[in-house]
Amino acid sequence: MIVAMDNELSEELLGIERFLQLATHAAQEALTPLNQSNPNISLIIGLPGKRIGLPAHLATEIAQQLPNKIKCTFDQIKTIAGGHASALLA
């Protein structure tokens, strides 16, 4: 199976906490050019499409917890459950 890996992510990490860690690493990388300031920006989070085994309330939990994890505030946070097409749907 071919998967996208995050070298800093434990293989034992599951569920919402796994998605949150993936999102944290990606957001920190994306915000690095902004020098960790609190810019007036919106955040759109791309998530997998609905499927069996996906954690309940994933979108809500990620949107609520991510700003605290990366110590940044956003004007607005939206989630898009579009799988690989999430970036195009944004």
PDB file of N, CA and C in Angstrom:
ATOM      1  N   MET A   1       0.837  -1.169   0.000  1.00  0.00           N
ATOM      2  CA  MET A   1       0.000   0.000   0.000  1.00  0.00           C
ATOM      3  C   MET A   1       0.891   1.243   0.000  1.00  0.00           C
ATOM      4  N   ILE A   2       0.529   2.226  -0.797  1.00  0.00           N
ATOM      5  CA  ILE A   2       1.248   3.495  -0.853  1.00  0.00           C
ATOM      6  C   ILE A   2       0.501   4.494   0.007  1.00  0.00           C
ATOM      7  N   VAL A   3       1.224   5.114   0.947  1.00  0.00           N
ATOM      8  CA  VAL A   3       0.610   6.099   1.833  1.00  0.00           C
ATOM      9  C   VAL A   3       1.533   7.298   1.975  1.00  0.00           C
ATOM     10  N   ALA A   4       0.957   8.414   2.355  1.00  0.00           N
ATOM     11  CA  ALA A   4       1.755   9.605   2.665  1.00  0.00           C
ATOM     12  C   ALA A   4       2.172   9.492   4.120  1.00  0.00           C
ATOM     13  N   MET A   5       3.453   9.651   4.395  1.00  0.00           N
ATOM     14  CA  MET A   5       3.956   9.467   5.748  1.00  0.00           C
ATOM     15  C   MET A   5       4.482  10.779   6.324  1.00  0.00           C
ATOM     16  N   ASP A   6       4.402  10.886   7.616  1.00  0.00           N
ATOM     17  CA  ASP A   6       5.001  11.978   8.369  1.00  0.00           C
ATOM     18  C   ASP A   6       6.023  11.304   9.277  1.00  0.00           C
ATOM     19  N   ASN A   7       7.299  11.549   9.055  1.00  0.00           N
ATOM     20  CA  ASN A   7       8.354  10.870   9.796  1.00  0.00           C
ATOM     21  C   ASN A   7       8.288  11.097  11.298  1.00  0.00           C
ATOM     22  N   GLU A   8       7.664  12.179  11.725  1.00  0.00           N
ATOM     23  CA  GLU A   8       7.572  12.486  13.148  1.00  0.00           C
ATOM     24  C   GLU A   8       6.335  11.886  13.804  1.00  0.00           C
ATOM     25  N   LEU A   9       5.523  11.185  13.037  1.00  0.00           N
ATOM     26  CA  LEU A   9       4.247  10.665  13.524  1.00  0.00           C
ATOM     27  C   LEU A   9       4.395   9.206  13.941  1.00  0.00           C
ATOM     28  N   SER A  10       3.971   8.891  15.149  1.00  0.00           N
ATOM     29  CA  SER A  10       4.022   7.519  15.646  1.00  0.00           C
ATOM     30  C   SER A  10       3.025   6.646  14.886  1.00  0.00           C
ATOM     31  N   GLU A  11       3.448   5.452  14.532  1.00  0.00           N
ATOM     32  CA  GLU A  11       2.560   4.522  13.828  1.00  0.00           C
ATOM     33  C   GLU A  11       1.409   4.063  14.717  1.00  0.00           C
ATOM     34  N   GLU A  12       1.574   4.158  16.026  1.00  0.00           N
ATOM     35  CA  GLU A  12       0.543   3.724  16.960  1.00  0.00           C
ATOM     36  C   GLU A  12      -0.565   4.762  17.170  1.00  0.00           C
ATOM     37  N   LEU A  13      -0.319   5.980  16.724  1.00  0.00           N
ATOM     38  CA  LEU A  13      -1.282   7.060  16.912  1.00  0.00           C
ATOM     39  C   LEU A  13      -2.480   6.835  15.992  1.00  0.00           C
ATOM     40  N   LEU A  14      -3.693   6.892  16.542  1.00  0.00           N
ATOM     41  CA  LEU A  14      -4.905   6.587  15.773  1.00  0.00           C
ATOM     42  C   LEU A  14      -5.970   7.662  15.955  1.00  0.00           C
ATOM     43  N   GLY A  15      -6.982   7.592  15.119  1.00  0.00           N
ATOM     44  CA  GLY A  15      -8.168   8.424  15.260  1.00  0.00           C
ATOM     45  C   GLY A  15      -7.920   9.907  15.102  1.00  0.00           C
ATOM     46  N   ILE A  16      -8.706  10.683  15.834  1.00  0.00           N
ATOM     47  CA  ILE A  16      -8.646  12.136  15.731  1.00  0.00           C
ATOM     48  C   ILE A  16      -7.255  12.647  16.083  1.00  0.00           C
ATOM     49  N   GLU A  17      -6.614  12.041  17.061  1.00  0.00           N
ATOM     50  CA  GLU A  17      -5.275  12.491  17.467  1.00  0.00           C
ATOM     51  C   GLU A  17      -4.280  12.338  16.326  1.00  0.00           C
ATOM     52  N   ARG A  18      -4.416  11.305  15.509  1.00  0.00           N
ATOM     53  CA  ARG A  18      -3.528  11.120  14.348  1.00  0.00           C
ATOM     54  C   ARG A  18      -3.757  12.229  13.317  1.00  0.00           C
ATOM     55  N   PHE A  19      -5.016  12.503  13.005  1.00  0.00           N
ATOM     56  CA  PHE A  19      -5.340  13.581  12.066  1.00  0.00           C
ATOM     57  C   PHE A  19      -4.849  14.929  12.600  1.00  0.00           C
ATOM     58  N   LEU A  20      -5.000  15.142  13.899  1.00  0.00           N
ATOM     59  CA  LEU A  20      -4.578  16.402  14.503  1.00  0.00           C
ATOM     60  C   LEU A  20      -3.063  16.572  14.390  1.00  0.00           C
ATOM     61  N   GLN A  21      -2.306  15.522  14.618  1.00  0.00           N
ATOM     62  CA  GLN A  21      -0.853  15.602  14.487  1.00  0.00           C
ATOM     63  C   GLN A  21      -0.439  15.881  13.046  1.00  0.00           C
ATOM     64  N   LEU A  22      -1.085  15.217  12.091  1.00  0.00           N
ATOM     65  CA  LEU A  22      -0.789  15.476  10.678  1.00  0.00           C
ATOM     66  C   LEU A  22      -1.073  16.938  10.330  1.00  0.00           C
ATOM     67  N   ALA A  23      -2.205  17.435  10.790  1.00  0.00           N
ATOM     68  CA  ALA A  23      -2.585  18.819  10.507  1.00  0.00           C
ATOM     69  C   ALA A  23      -1.647  19.802  11.195  1.00  0.00           C
ATOM     70  N   THR A  24      -1.200  19.467  12.399  1.00  0.00           N
ATOM     71  CA  THR A  24      -0.294  20.345  13.141  1.00  0.00           C
ATOM     72  C   THR A  24       1.019  20.516  12.395  1.00  0.00           C
ATOM     73  N   HIS A  25       1.601  19.420  11.950  1.00  0.00           N
ATOM     74  CA  HIS A  25       2.874  19.497  11.228  1.00  0.00           C
ATOM     75  C   HIS A  25       2.722  20.284   9.929  1.00  0.00           C
ATOM     76  N   ALA A  26       1.651  20.044   9.202  1.00  0.00           N
ATOM     77  CA  ALA A  26       1.431  20.756   7.937  1.00  0.00           C
ATOM     78  C   ALA A  26       1.208  22.251   8.177  1.00  0.00           C
ATOM     79  N   ALA A  27       0.419  22.591   9.182  1.00  0.00           N
ATOM     80  CA  ALA A  27       0.132  24.002   9.475  1.00  0.00           C
ATOM     81  C   ALA A  27       1.386  24.735   9.936  1.00  0.00           C
ATOM     82  N   GLN A  28       2.182  24.097  10.767  1.00  0.00           N
ATOM     83  CA  GLN A  28       3.423  24.729  11.222  1.00  0.00           C
ATOM     84  C   GLN A  28       4.355  25.005  10.047  1.00  0.00           C
ATOM     85  N   GLU A  29       4.444  24.064   9.131  1.00  0.00           N
ATOM     86  CA  GLU A  29       5.283  24.261   7.947  1.00  0.00           C
ATOM     87  C   GLU A  29       4.752  25.403   7.085  1.00  0.00           C
ATOM     88  N   ALA A  30       3.443  25.449   6.911  1.00  0.00           N
ATOM     89  CA  ALA A  30       2.842  26.496   6.074  1.00  0.00           C
ATOM     90  C   ALA A  30       2.967  27.878   6.705  1.00  0.00           C
ATOM     91  N   LEU A  31       2.935  27.957   8.029  1.00  0.00           N
ATOM     92  CA  LEU A  31       2.989  29.246   8.718  1.00  0.00           C
ATOM     93  C   LEU A  31       4.409  29.740   8.967  1.00  0.00           C
ATOM     94  N   THR A  32       5.407  28.914   8.770  1.00  0.00           N
ATOM     95  CA  THR A  32       6.799  29.306   9.016  1.00  0.00           C
ATOM     96  C   THR A  32       7.188  30.592   8.282  1.00  0.00           C
ATOM     97  N   PRO A  33       6.831  30.769   7.006  1.00  0.00           N
ATOM     98  CA  PRO A  33       7.209  32.026   6.337  1.00  0.00           C
ATOM     99  C   PRO A  33       6.575  33.269   6.967  1.00  0.00           C
ATOM    100  N   LEU A  34       5.545  33.089   7.753  1.00  0.00           N
ATOM    101  CA  LEU A  34       4.877  34.233   8.388  1.00  0.00           C
ATOM    102  C   LEU A  34       5.505  34.572   9.738  1.00  0.00           C
ATOM    103  N   ASN A  35       6.617  33.915  10.064  1.00  0.00           N
ATOM    104  CA  ASN A  35       7.359  34.171  11.299  1.00  0.00           C
ATOM    105  C   ASN A  35       6.526  33.975  12.558  1.00  0.00           C
ATOM    106  N   GLN A  36       5.616  33.015  12.540  1.00  0.00           N
ATOM    107  CA  GLN A  36       4.795  32.672  13.705  1.00  0.00           C
ATOM    108  C   GLN A  36       3.976  33.841  14.232  1.00  0.00           C
ATOM    109  N   SER A  37       3.782  34.871  13.436  1.00  0.00           N
ATOM    110  CA  SER A  37       2.920  35.969  13.866  1.00  0.00           C
ATOM    111  C   SER A  37       1.474  35.493  13.802  1.00  0.00           C
ATOM    112  N   ASN A  38       0.578  36.284  14.309  1.00  0.00           N
ATOM    113  CA  ASN A  38      -0.839  35.945  14.224  1.00  0.00           C
ATOM    114  C   ASN A  38      -1.468  36.765  13.109  1.00  0.00           C
ATOM    115  N   PRO A  39      -1.299  36.316  11.885  1.00  0.00           N
ATOM    116  CA  PRO A  39      -1.827  37.071  10.752  1.00  0.00           C
ATOM    117  C   PRO A  39      -3.351  37.008  10.702  1.00  0.00           C
ATOM    118  N   ASN A  40      -3.937  37.958  10.049  1.00  0.00           N
ATOM    119  CA  ASN A  40      -5.385  37.945   9.854  1.00  0.00           C
ATOM    120  C   ASN A  40      -5.691  37.109   8.622  1.00  0.00           C
ATOM    121  N   ILE A  41      -5.697  35.815   8.818  1.00  0.00           N
ATOM    122  CA  ILE A  41      -5.957  34.907   7.698  1.00  0.00           C
ATOM    123  C   ILE A  41      -7.023  33.899   8.083  1.00  0.00           C
ATOM    124  N   SER A  42      -7.611  33.316   7.062  1.00  0.00           N
ATOM    125  CA  SER A  42      -8.560  32.229   7.258  1.00  0.00           C
ATOM    126  C   SER A  42      -7.837  30.917   7.006  1.00  0.00           C
ATOM    127  N   LEU A  43      -8.354  29.860   7.567  1.00  0.00           N
ATOM    128  CA  LEU A  43      -7.764  28.537   7.413  1.00  0.00           C
ATOM    129  C   LEU A  43      -8.804  27.595   6.827  1.00  0.00           C
ATOM    130  N   ILE A  44      -8.428  26.899   5.779  1.00  0.00           N
ATOM    131  CA  ILE A  44      -9.284  25.864   5.201  1.00  0.00           C
ATOM    132  C   ILE A  44      -8.545  24.547   5.362  1.00  0.00           C
ATOM    133  N   ILE A  45      -9.192  23.590   6.014  1.00  0.00           N
ATOM    134  CA  ILE A  45      -8.579  22.300   6.305  1.00  0.00           C
ATOM    135  C   ILE A  45      -9.223  21.240   5.419  1.00  0.00           C
ATOM    136  N   GLY A  46      -8.408  20.584   4.592  1.00  0.00           N
ATOM    137  CA  GLY A  46      -8.897  19.499   3.741  1.00  0.00           C
ATOM    138  C   GLY A  46      -8.863  18.186   4.493  1.00  0.00           C
ATOM    139  N   LEU A  47      -9.984  17.498   4.511  1.00  0.00           N
ATOM    140  CA  LEU A  47     -10.111  16.229   5.218  1.00  0.00           C
ATOM    141  C   LEU A  47     -10.550  15.122   4.260  1.00  0.00           C
ATOM    142  N   PRO A  48     -10.394  13.865   4.662  1.00  0.00           N
ATOM    143  CA  PRO A  48     -10.859  12.764   3.822  1.00  0.00           C
ATOM    144  C   PRO A  48     -12.377  12.834   3.643  1.00  0.00           C
ATOM    145  N   GLY A  49     -12.851  12.279   2.548  1.00  0.00           N
ATOM    146  CA  GLY A  49     -14.289  12.163   2.356  1.00  0.00           C
ATOM    147  C   GLY A  49     -14.869  11.158   3.336  1.00  0.00           C
ATOM    148  N   LYS A  50     -16.161  11.188   3.518  1.00  0.00           N
ATOM    149  CA  LYS A  50     -16.808  10.282   4.459  1.00  0.00           C
ATOM    150  C   LYS A  50     -16.546   8.829   4.052  1.00  0.00           C
ATOM    151  N   ARG A  51     -16.196   8.031   5.052  1.00  0.00           N
ATOM    152  CA  ARG A  51     -15.944   6.618   4.818  1.00  0.00           C
ATOM    153  C   ARG A  51     -16.075   5.857   6.129  1.00  0.00           C
ATOM    154  N   ILE A  52     -16.211   4.572   6.029  1.00  0.00           N
ATOM    155  CA  ILE A  52     -16.310   3.722   7.214  1.00  0.00           C
ATOM    156  C   ILE A  52     -15.005   3.819   8.002  1.00  0.00           C
ATOM    157  N   GLY A  53     -15.113   3.970   9.308  1.00  0.00           N
ATOM    158  CA  GLY A  53     -13.950   4.024  10.172  1.00  0.00           C
ATOM    159  C   GLY A  53     -13.411   5.413  10.431  1.00  0.00           C
ATOM    160  N   LEU A  54     -13.920   6.392   9.721  1.00  0.00           N
ATOM    161  CA  LEU A  54     -13.479   7.774   9.953  1.00  0.00           C
ATOM    162  C   LEU A  54     -14.034   8.239  11.299  1.00  0.00           C
ATOM    163  N   PRO A  55     -13.207   8.867  12.131  1.00  0.00           N
ATOM    164  CA  PRO A  55     -13.680   9.289  13.456  1.00  0.00           C
ATOM    165  C   PRO A  55     -14.895  10.218  13.362  1.00  0.00           C
ATOM    166  N   ALA A  56     -15.828   9.986  14.247  1.00  0.00           N
ATOM    167  CA  ALA A  56     -17.005  10.856  14.320  1.00  0.00           C
ATOM    168  C   ALA A  56     -16.565  12.252  14.745  1.00  0.00           C
ATOM    169  N   HIS A  57     -17.188  13.255  14.206  1.00  0.00           N
ATOM    170  CA  HIS A  57     -16.912  14.653  14.559  1.00  0.00           C
ATOM    171  C   HIS A  57     -15.480  15.082  14.252  1.00  0.00           C
ATOM    172  N   LEU A  58     -14.852  14.454  13.264  1.00  0.00           N
ATOM    173  CA  LEU A  58     -13.473  14.773  12.911  1.00  0.00           C
ATOM    174  C   LEU A  58     -13.313  16.249  12.565  1.00  0.00           C
ATOM    175  N   ALA A  59     -14.158  16.761  11.703  1.00  0.00           N
ATOM    176  CA  ALA A  59     -14.039  18.151  11.257  1.00  0.00           C
ATOM    177  C   ALA A  59     -14.140  19.125  12.428  1.00  0.00           C
ATOM    178  N   THR A  60     -15.097  18.917  13.290  1.00  0.00           N
ATOM    179  CA  THR A  60     -15.301  19.796  14.441  1.00  0.00           C
ATOM    180  C   THR A  60     -14.104  19.757  15.380  1.00  0.00           C
ATOM    181  N   GLU A  61     -13.625  18.565  15.674  1.00  0.00           N
ATOM    182  CA  GLU A  61     -12.499  18.418  16.593  1.00  0.00           C
ATOM    183  C   GLU A  61     -11.220  19.057  16.043  1.00  0.00           C
ATOM    184  N   ILE A  62     -10.936  18.838  14.772  1.00  0.00           N
ATOM    185  CA  ILE A  62      -9.741  19.413  14.163  1.00  0.00           C
ATOM    186  C   ILE A  62      -9.831  20.942  14.173  1.00  0.00           C
ATOM    187  N   ALA A  63     -10.974  21.472  13.771  1.00  0.00           N
ATOM    188  CA  ALA A  63     -11.153  22.927  13.717  1.00  0.00           C
ATOM    189  C   ALA A  63     -11.036  23.565  15.100  1.00  0.00           C
ATOM    190  N   GLN A  64     -11.469  22.868  16.135  1.00  0.00           N
ATOM    191  CA  GLN A  64     -11.401  23.420  17.488  1.00  0.00           C
ATOM    192  C   GLN A  64     -10.006  23.291  18.099  1.00  0.00           C
ATOM    193  N   GLN A  65      -9.337  22.183  17.851  1.00  0.00           N
ATOM    194  CA  GLN A  65      -8.078  21.908  18.537  1.00  0.00           C
ATOM    195  C   GLN A  65      -6.829  22.431  17.821  1.00  0.00           C
ATOM    196  N   LEU A  66      -6.856  22.517  16.505  1.00  0.00           N
ATOM    197  CA  LEU A  66      -5.653  22.892  15.757  1.00  0.00           C
ATOM    198  C   LEU A  66      -5.099  24.267  16.133  1.00  0.00           C
ATOM    199  N   PRO A  67      -5.917  25.315  16.248  1.00  0.00           N
ATOM    200  CA  PRO A  67      -5.347  26.627  16.605  1.00  0.00           C
ATOM    201  C   PRO A  67      -4.565  26.601  17.925  1.00  0.00           C
ATOM    202  N   ASN A  68      -5.036  25.837  18.892  1.00  0.00           N
ATOM    203  CA  ASN A  68      -4.326  25.734  20.172  1.00  0.00           C
ATOM    204  C   ASN A  68      -3.006  24.993  20.009  1.00  0.00           C
ATOM    205  N   LYS A  69      -3.005  23.960  19.183  1.00  0.00           N
ATOM    206  CA  LYS A  69      -1.785  23.170  18.965  1.00  0.00           C
ATOM    207  C   LYS A  69      -0.690  23.999  18.311  1.00  0.00           C
ATOM    208  N   ILE A  70      -1.061  24.856  17.373  1.00  0.00           N
ATOM    209  CA  ILE A  70      -0.054  25.630  16.639  1.00  0.00           C
ATOM    210  C   ILE A  70       0.094  27.051  17.185  1.00  0.00           C
ATOM    211  N   LYS A  71      -0.664  27.343  18.246  1.00  0.00           N
ATOM    212  CA  LYS A  71      -0.583  28.655  18.914  1.00  0.00           C
ATOM    213  C   LYS A  71      -0.767  29.808  17.932  1.00  0.00           C
ATOM    214  N   CYS A  72      -1.869  29.731  17.211  1.00  0.00           N
ATOM    215  CA  CYS A  72      -2.184  30.759  16.226  1.00  0.00           C
ATOM    216  C   CYS A  72      -3.699  30.942  16.196  1.00  0.00           C
ATOM    217  N   THR A  73      -4.129  32.152  15.953  1.00  0.00           N
ATOM    218  CA  THR A  73      -5.555  32.410  15.809  1.00  0.00           C
ATOM    219  C   THR A  73      -5.854  32.708  14.340  1.00  0.00           C
ATOM    220  N   PHE A  74      -7.051  32.400  13.939  1.00  0.00           N
ATOM    221  CA  PHE A  74      -7.472  32.601  12.559  1.00  0.00           C
ATOM    222  C   PHE A  74      -8.783  33.365  12.551  1.00  0.00           C
ATOM    223  N   ASP A  75      -8.973  34.171  11.517  1.00  0.00           N
ATOM    224  CA  ASP A  75     -10.237  34.889  11.376  1.00  0.00           C
ATOM    225  C   ASP A  75     -11.393  33.916  11.209  1.00  0.00           C
ATOM    226  N   GLN A  76     -11.132  32.854  10.481  1.00  0.00           N
ATOM    227  CA  GLN A  76     -12.180  31.897  10.149  1.00  0.00           C
ATOM    228  C   GLN A  76     -11.525  30.549   9.881  1.00  0.00           C
ATOM    229  N   ILE A  77     -12.199  29.470  10.283  1.00  0.00           N
ATOM    230  CA  ILE A  77     -11.719  28.121   9.997  1.00  0.00           C
ATOM    231  C   ILE A  77     -12.857  27.346   9.346  1.00  0.00           C
ATOM    232  N   LYS A  78     -12.559  26.744   8.196  1.00  0.00           N
ATOM    233  CA  LYS A  78     -13.527  25.896   7.504  1.00  0.00           C
ATOM    234  C   LYS A  78     -12.875  24.553   7.222  1.00  0.00           C
ATOM    235  N   THR A  79     -13.679  23.533   7.146  1.00  0.00           N
ATOM    236  CA  THR A  79     -13.184  22.216   6.759  1.00  0.00           C
ATOM    237  C   THR A  79     -13.906  21.770   5.494  1.00  0.00           C
ATOM    238  N   ILE A  80     -13.176  21.035   4.674  1.00  0.00           N
ATOM    239  CA  ILE A  80     -13.744  20.486   3.446  1.00  0.00           C
ATOM    240  C   ILE A  80     -13.421  19.002   3.421  1.00  0.00           C
ATOM    241  N   ALA A  81     -14.434  18.179   3.448  1.00  0.00           N
ATOM    242  CA  ALA A  81     -14.250  16.731   3.408  1.00  0.00           C
ATOM    243  C   ALA A  81     -14.316  16.267   1.959  1.00  0.00           C
ATOM    244  N   GLY A  82     -13.245  16.545   1.222  1.00  0.00           N
ATOM    245  CA  GLY A  82     -13.216  16.204  -0.193  1.00  0.00           C
ATOM    246  C   GLY A  82     -12.102  15.267  -0.585  1.00  0.00           C
ATOM    247  N   GLY A  83     -11.438  14.687   0.399  1.00  0.00           N
ATOM    248  CA  GLY A  83     -10.337  13.784   0.088  1.00  0.00           C
ATOM    249  C   GLY A  83      -9.239  14.493  -0.668  1.00  0.00           C
ATOM    250  N   HIS A  84      -8.685  13.827  -1.675  1.00  0.00           N
ATOM    251  CA  HIS A  84      -7.587  14.403  -2.464  1.00  0.00           C
ATOM    252  C   HIS A  84      -8.018  15.660  -3.208  1.00  0.00           C
ATOM    253  N   ALA A  85      -9.300  15.826  -3.429  1.00  0.00           N
ATOM    254  CA  ALA A  85      -9.796  16.999  -4.164  1.00  0.00           C
ATOM    255  C   ALA A  85     -10.053  18.213  -3.265  1.00  0.00           C
ATOM    256  N   SER A  86      -9.774  18.092  -1.985  1.00  0.00           N
ATOM    257  CA  SER A  86     -10.066  19.185  -1.046  1.00  0.00           C
ATOM    258  C   SER A  86      -9.427  20.505  -1.461  1.00  0.00           C
ATOM    259  N   ALA A  87      -8.201  20.449  -1.930  1.00  0.00           N
ATOM    260  CA  ALA A  87      -7.521  21.697  -2.341  1.00  0.00           C
ATOM    261  C   ALA A  87      -8.232  22.349  -3.510  1.00  0.00           C
ATOM    262  N   LEU A  88      -8.711  21.552  -4.451  1.00  0.00           N
ATOM    263  CA  LEU A  88      -9.449  22.108  -5.582  1.00  0.00           C
ATOM    264  C   LEU A  88     -10.806  22.648  -5.154  1.00  0.00           C
ATOM    265  N   LEU A  89     -11.421  22.001  -4.181  1.00  0.00           N
ATOM    266  CA  LEU A  89     -12.725  22.450  -3.701  1.00  0.00           C
ATOM    267  C   LEU A  89     -12.618  23.725  -2.873  1.00  0.00           C
ATOM    268  N   ALA A  90     -11.449  23.969  -2.289  1.00  0.00           N
ATOM    269  CA  ALA A  90     -11.265  25.162  -1.463  1.00  0.00           C
ATOM    270  C   ALA A  90     -11.355  26.394  -2.321  1.00  0.00           C
TER     271      ALA A  90
END
